[in-house]
PDB file of N, CA and C in Angstrom:
ATOM      1  N   ARG A   1       0.913  -0.653  -0.090  1.00  0.00           N
ATOM      2  CA  ARG A   1       0.063  -0.084  -0.209  1.00  0.00           C
ATOM      3  C   ARG A   1       1.215   0.956   0.149  1.00  0.00           C
ATOM      4  N   LYS A   2       2.182   1.092   0.703  1.00  0.00           N
ATOM      5  CA  LYS A   2       3.244   2.222   0.823  1.00  0.00           C
ATOM      6  C   LYS A   2       3.249   2.565  -0.418  1.00  0.00           C
ATOM      7  N   LEU A   3       3.998   1.870  -1.573  1.00  0.00           N
ATOM      8  CA  LEU A   3       3.818   1.681  -3.535  1.00  0.00           C
ATOM      9  C   LEU A   3       3.290   2.470  -3.597  1.00  0.00           C
ATOM     10  N   PHE A   4       1.610   2.195  -3.620  1.00  0.00           N
ATOM     11  CA  PHE A   4       0.460   3.020  -4.047  1.00  0.00           C
ATOM     12  C   PHE A   4       0.096   4.562  -3.239  1.00  0.00           C
ATOM     13  N   LEU A   5       0.251   4.363  -2.306  1.00  0.00           N
ATOM     14  CA  LEU A   5       0.030   6.026  -2.113  1.00  0.00           C
ATOM     15  C   LEU A   5       1.375   6.794  -2.081  1.00  0.00           C
ATOM     16  N   GLU A   6       2.760   6.551  -2.793  1.00  0.00           N
ATOM     17  CA  GLU A   6       3.669   7.218  -3.362  1.00  0.00           C
ATOM     18  C   GLU A   6       3.750   7.245  -4.463  1.00  0.00           C
ATOM     19  N   GLY A   7       2.680   6.936  -5.263  1.00  0.00           N
ATOM     20  CA  GLY A   7       2.380   6.973  -6.745  1.00  0.00           C
ATOM     21  C   GLY A   7       3.310   6.333  -7.735  1.00  0.00           C
ATOM     22  N   LYS A   8       3.707   4.780  -7.425  1.00  0.00           N
ATOM     23  CA  LYS A   8       4.496   4.003  -7.519  1.00  0.00           C
ATOM     24  C   LYS A   8       3.488   2.456  -8.182  1.00  0.00           C
ATOM     25  N   TYR A   9       2.269   3.262  -9.297  1.00  0.00           N
ATOM     26  CA  TYR A   9       1.684   1.983  -9.365  1.00  0.00           C
ATOM     27  C   TYR A   9       1.877   0.994 -10.457  1.00  0.00           C
ATOM     28  N   GLU A  10       3.244   0.772 -10.815  1.00  0.00           N
ATOM     29  CA  GLU A  10       3.985   0.129 -11.803  1.00  0.00           C
ATOM     30  C   GLU A  10       4.267  -0.704 -11.052  1.00  0.00           C
ATOM     31  N   GLU A  11       5.292  -0.845  -9.736  1.00  0.00           N
ATOM     32  CA  GLU A  11       5.686  -1.263  -8.398  1.00  0.00           C
ATOM     33  C   GLU A  11       4.678  -2.342  -7.963  1.00  0.00           C
ATOM     34  N   ALA A  12       3.232  -1.375  -7.583  1.00  0.00           N
ATOM     35  CA  ALA A  12       2.237  -1.753  -7.059  1.00  0.00           C
ATOM     36  C   ALA A  12       1.471  -2.681  -7.646  1.00  0.00           C
ATOM     37  N   LYS A  13       1.386  -2.680  -8.317  1.00  0.00           N
ATOM     38  CA  LYS A  13       0.225  -3.376  -9.276  1.00  0.00           C
ATOM     39  C   LYS A  13       0.749  -5.059  -9.265  1.00  0.00           C
ATOM     40  N   PRO A  14       1.638  -5.679  -9.263  1.00  0.00           N
ATOM     41  CA  PRO A  14       1.658  -6.705  -9.063  1.00  0.00           C
ATOM     42  C   PRO A  14       0.789  -7.240  -7.831  1.00  0.00           C
ATOM     43  N   LEU A  15       1.270  -6.556  -6.926  1.00  0.00           N
ATOM     44  CA  LEU A  15       0.886  -7.072  -5.877  1.00  0.00           C
ATOM     45  C   LEU A  15       0.041  -7.199  -5.503  1.00  0.00           C
ATOM     46  N   PHE A  16      -0.669  -6.203  -5.690  1.00  0.00           N
ATOM     47  CA  PHE A  16      -2.402  -5.891  -5.772  1.00  0.00           C
ATOM     48  C   PHE A  16      -3.416  -6.619  -6.932  1.00  0.00           C
ATOM     49  N   GLU A  17      -2.318  -6.909  -7.974  1.00  0.00           N
ATOM     50  CA  GLU A  17      -2.881  -7.830  -8.708  1.00  0.00           C
ATOM     51  C   GLU A  17      -3.044  -9.405  -8.179  1.00  0.00           C
ATOM     52  N   ASN A  18      -2.409  -9.990  -7.322  1.00  0.00           N
ATOM     53  CA  ASN A  18      -2.310 -11.082  -6.713  1.00  0.00           C
ATOM     54  C   ASN A  18      -3.708 -11.277  -5.529  1.00  0.00           C
ATOM     55  N   LEU A  19      -3.261 -10.096  -5.035  1.00  0.00           N
ATOM     56  CA  LEU A  19      -4.553  -9.822  -3.488  1.00  0.00           C
ATOM     57  C   LEU A  19      -5.815  -9.869  -4.209  1.00  0.00           C
ATOM     58  N   TYR A  20      -5.974  -8.960  -5.219  1.00  0.00           N
ATOM     59  CA  TYR A  20      -7.215  -9.339  -6.398  1.00  0.00           C
ATOM     60  C   TYR A  20      -7.570 -11.042  -7.032  1.00  0.00           C
ATOM     61  N   LYS A  21      -6.386 -11.002  -7.318  1.00  0.00           N
ATOM     62  CA  LYS A  21      -7.285 -12.581  -7.935  1.00  0.00           C
ATOM     63  C   LYS A  21      -7.219 -13.613  -6.862  1.00  0.00           C
ATOM     64  N   ARG A  22      -6.775 -13.151  -5.182  1.00  0.00           N
ATOM     65  CA  ARG A  22      -6.634 -14.014  -4.147  1.00  0.00           C
ATOM     66  C   ARG A  22      -8.245 -13.178  -3.769  1.00  0.00           C
ATOM     67  N   ALA A  23      -8.492 -13.080  -3.528  1.00  0.00           N
ATOM     68  CA  ALA A  23     -10.076 -12.302  -3.340  1.00  0.00           C
ATOM     69  C   ALA A  23     -10.325 -10.859  -3.838  1.00  0.00           C
ATOM     70  N   PRO A  24     -11.492 -11.651  -4.782  1.00  0.00           N
ATOM     71  CA  PRO A  24     -11.723 -11.066  -6.465  1.00  0.00           C
ATOM     72  C   PRO A  24     -13.469  -9.887  -5.673  1.00  0.00           C
ATOM     73  N   LYS A  25     -13.515 -10.104  -4.421  1.00  0.00           N
ATOM     74  CA  LYS A  25     -14.629 -10.206  -4.596  1.00  0.00           C
ATOM     75  C   LYS A  25     -14.443  -8.738  -3.239  1.00  0.00           C
ATOM     76  N   ASP A  26     -13.177  -8.024  -3.248  1.00  0.00           N
ATOM     77  CA  ASP A  26     -12.721  -7.359  -1.911  1.00  0.00           C
ATOM     78  C   ASP A  26     -12.821  -5.878  -2.575  1.00  0.00           C
ATOM     79  N   GLY A  27     -13.808  -4.892  -1.901  1.00  0.00           N
ATOM     80  CA  GLY A  27     -13.810  -3.629  -2.540  1.00  0.00           C
ATOM     81  C   GLY A  27     -12.044  -3.169  -2.517  1.00  0.00           C
ATOM     82  N   SER A  28     -11.474  -2.741  -1.484  1.00  0.00           N
ATOM     83  CA  SER A  28     -10.701  -2.340  -1.423  1.00  0.00           C
ATOM     84  C   SER A  28      -9.461  -3.184  -2.441  1.00  0.00           C
ATOM     85  N   TYR A  29      -9.511  -4.128  -3.073  1.00  0.00           N
ATOM     86  CA  TYR A  29      -8.242  -5.120  -4.074  1.00  0.00           C
ATOM     87  C   TYR A  29      -9.077  -4.512  -5.402  1.00  0.00           C
ATOM     88  N   ASN A  30     -10.496  -4.509  -5.148  1.00  0.00           N
ATOM     89  CA  ASN A  30     -10.494  -4.339  -6.537  1.00  0.00           C
ATOM     90  C   ASN A  30      -9.857  -2.155  -7.075  1.00  0.00           C
ATOM     91  N   TYR A  31      -9.990  -1.412  -6.158  1.00  0.00           N
ATOM     92  CA  TYR A  31      -9.767  -0.723  -5.963  1.00  0.00           C
ATOM     93  C   TYR A  31      -8.227  -0.354  -6.500  1.00  0.00           C
ATOM     94  N   TRP A  32      -7.479  -1.153  -5.630  1.00  0.00           N
ATOM     95  CA  TRP A  32      -5.948  -0.700  -6.360  1.00  0.00           C
ATOM     96  C   TRP A  32      -5.589  -0.745  -6.936  1.00  0.00           C
ATOM     97  N   TYR A  33      -6.388  -2.479  -7.433  1.00  0.00           N
ATOM     98  CA  TYR A  33      -5.792  -2.836  -8.498  1.00  0.00           C
ATOM     99  C   TYR A  33      -6.294  -1.889  -9.844  1.00  0.00           C
ATOM    100  N   ALA A  34      -7.903  -2.107 -10.066  1.00  0.00           N
ATOM    101  CA  ALA A  34      -7.910  -0.956 -11.156  1.00  0.00           C
ATOM    102  C   ALA A  34      -7.171   0.058 -11.223  1.00  0.00           C
ATOM    103  N   VAL A  35      -6.702   1.328  -9.927  1.00  0.00           N
ATOM    104  CA  VAL A  35      -6.557   2.120 -10.504  1.00  0.00           C
ATOM    105  C   VAL A  35      -4.772   2.042 -10.974  1.00  0.00           C
ATOM    106  N   CYS A  36      -4.708   0.743 -10.032  1.00  0.00           N
ATOM    107  CA  CYS A  36      -2.962   0.230 -10.926  1.00  0.00           C
ATOM    108  C   CYS A  36      -2.764   0.315 -12.048  1.00  0.00           C
ATOM    109  N   CYS A  37      -3.869   0.062 -12.864  1.00  0.00           N
ATOM    110  CA  CYS A  37      -3.914  -0.386 -13.897  1.00  0.00           C
ATOM    111  C   CYS A  37      -4.406   0.870 -15.049  1.00  0.00           C
ATOM    112  N   TYR A  38      -5.105   1.875 -14.306  1.00  0.00           N
ATOM    113  CA  TYR A  38      -5.827   3.037 -14.633  1.00  0.00           C
ATOM    114  C   TYR A  38      -4.635   3.542 -14.931  1.00  0.00           C
ATOM    115  N   GLU A  39      -3.386   4.083 -14.368  1.00  0.00           N
ATOM    116  CA  GLU A  39      -2.810   4.992 -13.907  1.00  0.00           C
ATOM    117  C   GLU A  39      -1.314   4.272 -14.796  1.00  0.00           C
ATOM    118  N   THR A  40      -1.265   2.935 -14.922  1.00  0.00           N
ATOM    119  CA  THR A  40      -0.320   2.669 -15.983  1.00  0.00           C
ATOM    120  C   THR A  40      -0.580   2.309 -17.357  1.00  0.00           C
ATOM    121  N   ASN A  41      -2.223   3.037 -17.383  1.00  0.00           N
ATOM    122  CA  ASN A  41      -2.154   2.468 -19.087  1.00  0.00           C
ATOM    123  C   ASN A  41      -2.563   0.536 -19.336  1.00  0.00           C
ATOM    124  N   ASP A  42      -2.836   0.287 -18.311  1.00  0.00           N
ATOM    125  CA  ASP A  42      -2.949  -1.116 -18.653  1.00  0.00           C
ATOM    126  C   ASP A  42      -4.430  -1.113 -19.217  1.00  0.00           C
ATOM    127  N   THR A  43      -3.926  -1.620 -21.282  1.00  0.00           N
ATOM    128  CA  THR A  43      -5.758  -1.859 -21.887  1.00  0.00           C
ATOM    129  C   THR A  43      -6.592  -3.128 -21.593  1.00  0.00           C
ATOM    130  N   THR A  44      -6.234  -3.806 -20.690  1.00  0.00           N
ATOM    131  CA  THR A  44      -6.087  -5.586 -20.203  1.00  0.00           C
ATOM    132  C   THR A  44      -7.429  -6.005 -19.164  1.00  0.00           C
ATOM    133  N   ALA A  45      -6.786  -5.159 -18.509  1.00  0.00           N
ATOM    134  CA  ALA A  45      -7.806  -5.289 -17.500  1.00  0.00           C
ATOM    135  C   ALA A  45      -9.021  -4.214 -17.302  1.00  0.00           C
ATOM    136  N   ASP A  46      -9.938  -5.439 -16.644  1.00  0.00           N
ATOM    137  CA  ASP A  46     -11.683  -5.082 -16.924  1.00  0.00           C
ATOM    138  C   ASP A  46     -12.103  -3.094 -15.399  1.00  0.00           C
ATOM    139  N   ILE A  47     -11.025  -2.213 -16.219  1.00  0.00           N
ATOM    140  CA  ILE A  47     -10.967  -1.544 -15.207  1.00  0.00           C
ATOM    141  C   ILE A  47     -12.507  -0.834 -14.467  1.00  0.00           C
ATOM    142  N   GLU A  48     -13.506  -0.603 -15.766  1.00  0.00           N
ATOM    143  CA  GLU A  48     -14.603  -0.766 -15.457  1.00  0.00           C
ATOM    144  C   GLU A  48     -15.284  -1.255 -14.126  1.00  0.00           C
ATOM    145  N   LYS A  49     -15.008  -2.510 -14.725  1.00  0.00           N
ATOM    146  CA  LYS A  49     -15.710  -3.690 -13.442  1.00  0.00           C
ATOM    147  C   LYS A  49     -15.246  -3.185 -11.962  1.00  0.00           C
ATOM    148  N   MET A  50     -14.564  -3.185 -11.972  1.00  0.00           N
ATOM    149  CA  MET A  50     -13.138  -3.348 -11.245  1.00  0.00           C
ATOM    150  C   MET A  50     -13.710  -2.075 -10.201  1.00  0.00           C
ATOM    151  N   LEU A  51     -13.857  -0.720 -11.193  1.00  0.00           N
ATOM    152  CA  LEU A  51     -14.183   0.217 -10.112  1.00  0.00           C
ATOM    153  C   LEU A  51     -15.966   0.451  -9.586  1.00  0.00           C
ATOM    154  N   LYS A  52     -16.583   0.108 -10.545  1.00  0.00           N
ATOM    155  CA  LYS A  52     -17.856  -0.433 -10.091  1.00  0.00           C
ATOM    156  C   LYS A  52     -18.310  -0.923  -9.190  1.00  0.00           C
ATOM    157  N   HIS A  53     -17.102  -2.486  -8.912  1.00  0.00           N
ATOM    158  CA  HIS A  53     -17.313  -3.090  -7.829  1.00  0.00           C
ATOM    159  C   HIS A  53     -17.363  -2.095  -6.543  1.00  0.00           C
ATOM    160  N   SER A  54     -15.896  -1.302  -6.653  1.00  0.00           N
ATOM    161  CA  SER A  54     -15.276  -0.344  -5.186  1.00  0.00           C
ATOM    162  C   SER A  54     -15.965   0.265  -4.903  1.00  0.00           C
ATOM    163  N   ILE A  55     -17.193   0.937  -5.759  1.00  0.00           N
ATOM    164  CA  ILE A  55     -17.894   1.526  -5.166  1.00  0.00           C
ATOM    165  C   ILE A  55     -19.711   0.910  -4.897  1.00  0.00           C
ATOM    166  N   THR A  56     -19.617  -0.302  -4.809  1.00  0.00           N
ATOM    167  CA  THR A  56     -20.886  -1.004  -4.316  1.00  0.00           C
ATOM    168  C   THR A  56     -20.528  -1.189  -2.810  1.00  0.00           C
ATOM    169  N   ARG A  57     -19.265  -1.818  -2.318  1.00  0.00           N
ATOM    170  CA  ARG A  57     -18.112  -1.691  -1.087  1.00  0.00           C
ATOM    171  C   ARG A  57     -17.563  -0.462  -0.048  1.00  0.00           C
ATOM    172  N   ARG A  58     -18.555   0.619  -1.330  1.00  0.00           N
ATOM    173  CA  ARG A  58     -18.343   1.649  -0.772  1.00  0.00           C
ATOM    174  C   ARG A  58     -16.884   2.432  -0.357  1.00  0.00           C
ATOM    175  N   VAL A  59     -16.172   2.254  -1.437  1.00  0.00           N
ATOM    176  CA  VAL A  59     -14.020   2.429  -1.130  1.00  0.00           C
ATOM    177  C   VAL A  59     -14.261   3.841  -1.631  1.00  0.00           C
ATOM    178  N   SER A  60     -14.164   4.529  -1.038  1.00  0.00           N
ATOM    179  CA  SER A  60     -13.817   6.024  -0.924  1.00  0.00           C
ATOM    180  C   SER A  60     -13.080   6.249  -2.649  1.00  0.00           C
ATOM    181  N   ASN A  61     -12.725   7.164  -3.348  1.00  0.00           N
ATOM    182  CA  ASN A  61     -12.104   7.575  -4.863  1.00  0.00           C
ATOM    183  C   ASN A  61     -12.970   7.102  -6.189  1.00  0.00           C
ATOM    184  N   GLY A  62     -13.200   5.874  -5.757  1.00  0.00           N
ATOM    185  CA  GLY A  62     -14.241   4.771  -6.626  1.00  0.00           C
ATOM    186  C   GLY A  62     -14.831   6.021  -7.631  1.00  0.00           C
ATOM    187  N   HIS A  63     -15.319   6.723  -7.341  1.00  0.00           N
ATOM    188  CA  HIS A  63     -16.336   7.569  -8.467  1.00  0.00           C
ATOM    189  C   HIS A  63     -15.453   8.218  -9.328  1.00  0.00           C
ATOM    190  N   ARG A  64     -14.377   8.784  -8.114  1.00  0.00           N
ATOM    191  CA  ARG A  64     -13.083   9.608  -9.057  1.00  0.00           C
ATOM    192  C   ARG A  64     -12.992   8.838 -10.231  1.00  0.00           C
ATOM    193  N   TYR A  65     -12.263   7.689  -9.877  1.00  0.00           N
ATOM    194  CA  TYR A  65     -11.362   7.462 -10.780  1.00  0.00           C
ATOM    195  C   TYR A  65     -11.464   6.481 -12.481  1.00  0.00           C
ATOM    196  N   LEU A  66     -13.373   6.245 -11.343  1.00  0.00           N
ATOM    197  CA  LEU A  66     -14.764   5.274 -12.421  1.00  0.00           C
ATOM    198  C   LEU A  66     -14.411   6.934 -13.690  1.00  0.00           C
ATOM    199  N   GLY A  67     -14.600   8.530 -13.426  1.00  0.00           N
ATOM    200  CA  GLY A  67     -14.772   9.187 -13.807  1.00  0.00           C
ATOM    201  C   GLY A  67     -14.373   9.279 -14.825  1.00  0.00           C
ATOM    202  N   ASP A  68     -12.282   9.757 -14.346  1.00  0.00           N
ATOM    203  CA  ASP A  68     -11.496   9.693 -15.314  1.00  0.00           C
ATOM    204  C   ASP A  68     -11.981   8.610 -15.919  1.00  0.00           C
ATOM    205  N   PHE A  69     -11.689   7.632 -15.711  1.00  0.00           N
ATOM    206  CA  PHE A  69     -12.048   6.395 -16.997  1.00  0.00           C
ATOM    207  C   PHE A  69     -12.615   6.598 -17.989  1.00  0.00           C
ATOM    208  N   TYR A  70     -14.053   6.901 -17.489  1.00  0.00           N
ATOM    209  CA  TYR A  70     -14.492   7.235 -18.663  1.00  0.00           C
ATOM    210  C   TYR A  70     -14.385   8.762 -19.622  1.00  0.00           C
ATOM    211  N   LYS A  71     -14.109   9.469 -19.223  1.00  0.00           N
ATOM    212  CA  LYS A  71     -13.667  10.496 -20.003  1.00  0.00           C
ATOM    213  C   LYS A  71     -12.559  10.013 -20.937  1.00  0.00           C
ATOM    214  N   ARG A  72     -11.472   9.578 -19.958  1.00  0.00           N
ATOM    215  CA  ARG A  72     -10.197   8.828 -21.399  1.00  0.00           C
ATOM    216  C   ARG A  72     -11.350   8.011 -21.951  1.00  0.00           C
ATOM    217  N   GLU A  73     -12.420   7.487 -22.266  1.00  0.00           N
ATOM    218  CA  GLU A  73     -13.235   6.847 -22.752  1.00  0.00           C
ATOM    219  C   GLU A  73     -13.436   7.142 -23.571  1.00  0.00           C
ATOM    220  N   TYR A  74     -13.615   8.981 -23.660  1.00  0.00           N
ATOM    221  CA  TYR A  74     -14.580   9.803 -24.493  1.00  0.00           C
ATOM    222  C   TYR A  74     -16.199   9.474 -23.893  1.00  0.00           C
ATOM    223  N   ARG A  75     -16.250   9.196 -23.127  1.00  0.00           N
ATOM    224  CA  ARG A  75     -17.702   8.606 -21.918  1.00  0.00           C
ATOM    225  C   ARG A  75     -18.429   9.764 -21.299  1.00  0.00           C
ATOM    226  N   TYR A  76     -18.784  10.884 -21.555  1.00  0.00           N
ATOM    227  CA  TYR A  76     -18.458  12.235 -20.970  1.00  0.00           C
ATOM    228  C   TYR A  76     -19.662  11.967 -19.840  1.00  0.00           C
ATOM    229  N   GLU A  77     -20.875  11.987 -20.437  1.00  0.00           N
ATOM    230  CA  GLU A  77     -21.837  11.926 -19.812  1.00  0.00           C
ATOM    231  C   GLU A  77     -21.873  11.128 -18.735  1.00  0.00           C
ATOM    232  N   GLU A  78     -20.773   9.450 -19.115  1.00  0.00           N
ATOM    233  CA  GLU A  78     -21.070   8.824 -17.896  1.00  0.00           C
ATOM    234  C   GLU A  78     -19.645   9.184 -16.714  1.00  0.00           C
ATOM    235  N   ALA A  79     -19.126  10.177 -17.613  1.00  0.00           N
ATOM    236  CA  ALA A  79     -18.116  10.631 -16.520  1.00  0.00           C
ATOM    237  C   ALA A  79     -18.524  12.551 -15.802  1.00  0.00           C
ATOM    238  N   VAL A  80     -19.379  12.003 -16.202  1.00  0.00           N
ATOM    239  CA  VAL A  80     -19.939  13.451 -15.311  1.00  0.00           C
ATOM    240  C   VAL A  80     -21.189  13.050 -15.078  1.00  0.00           C
ATOM    241  N   ALA A  81     -21.685  12.133 -14.599  1.00  0.00           N
ATOM    242  CA  ALA A  81     -22.362  11.327 -13.126  1.00  0.00           C
ATOM    243  C   ALA A  81     -21.446  10.202 -12.736  1.00  0.00           C
ATOM    244  N   SER A  82     -20.640  10.314 -12.941  1.00  0.00           N
ATOM    245  CA  SER A  82     -19.639   9.568 -12.057  1.00  0.00           C
ATOM    246  C   SER A  82     -19.202  10.679 -11.031  1.00  0.00           C
TER     247      SER A  82
END
């Protein structure tokens, strides 16, 4: 988590990927892994799905990153709504 908070997403990503795979229903793991994927421009991960799940688990900042994700995908109405 320290790497994540320091913005070292590339280094934190494999660690959170492992945690996410072990407990895919955990909202925090979904959030942390999704943000790492978003920040490293990973196009293979289902970032939208992970962020939506984190929001249902009341993880703070999930809406922010989901909005940023939509904006990057040119889905502006969804970005504003998020």
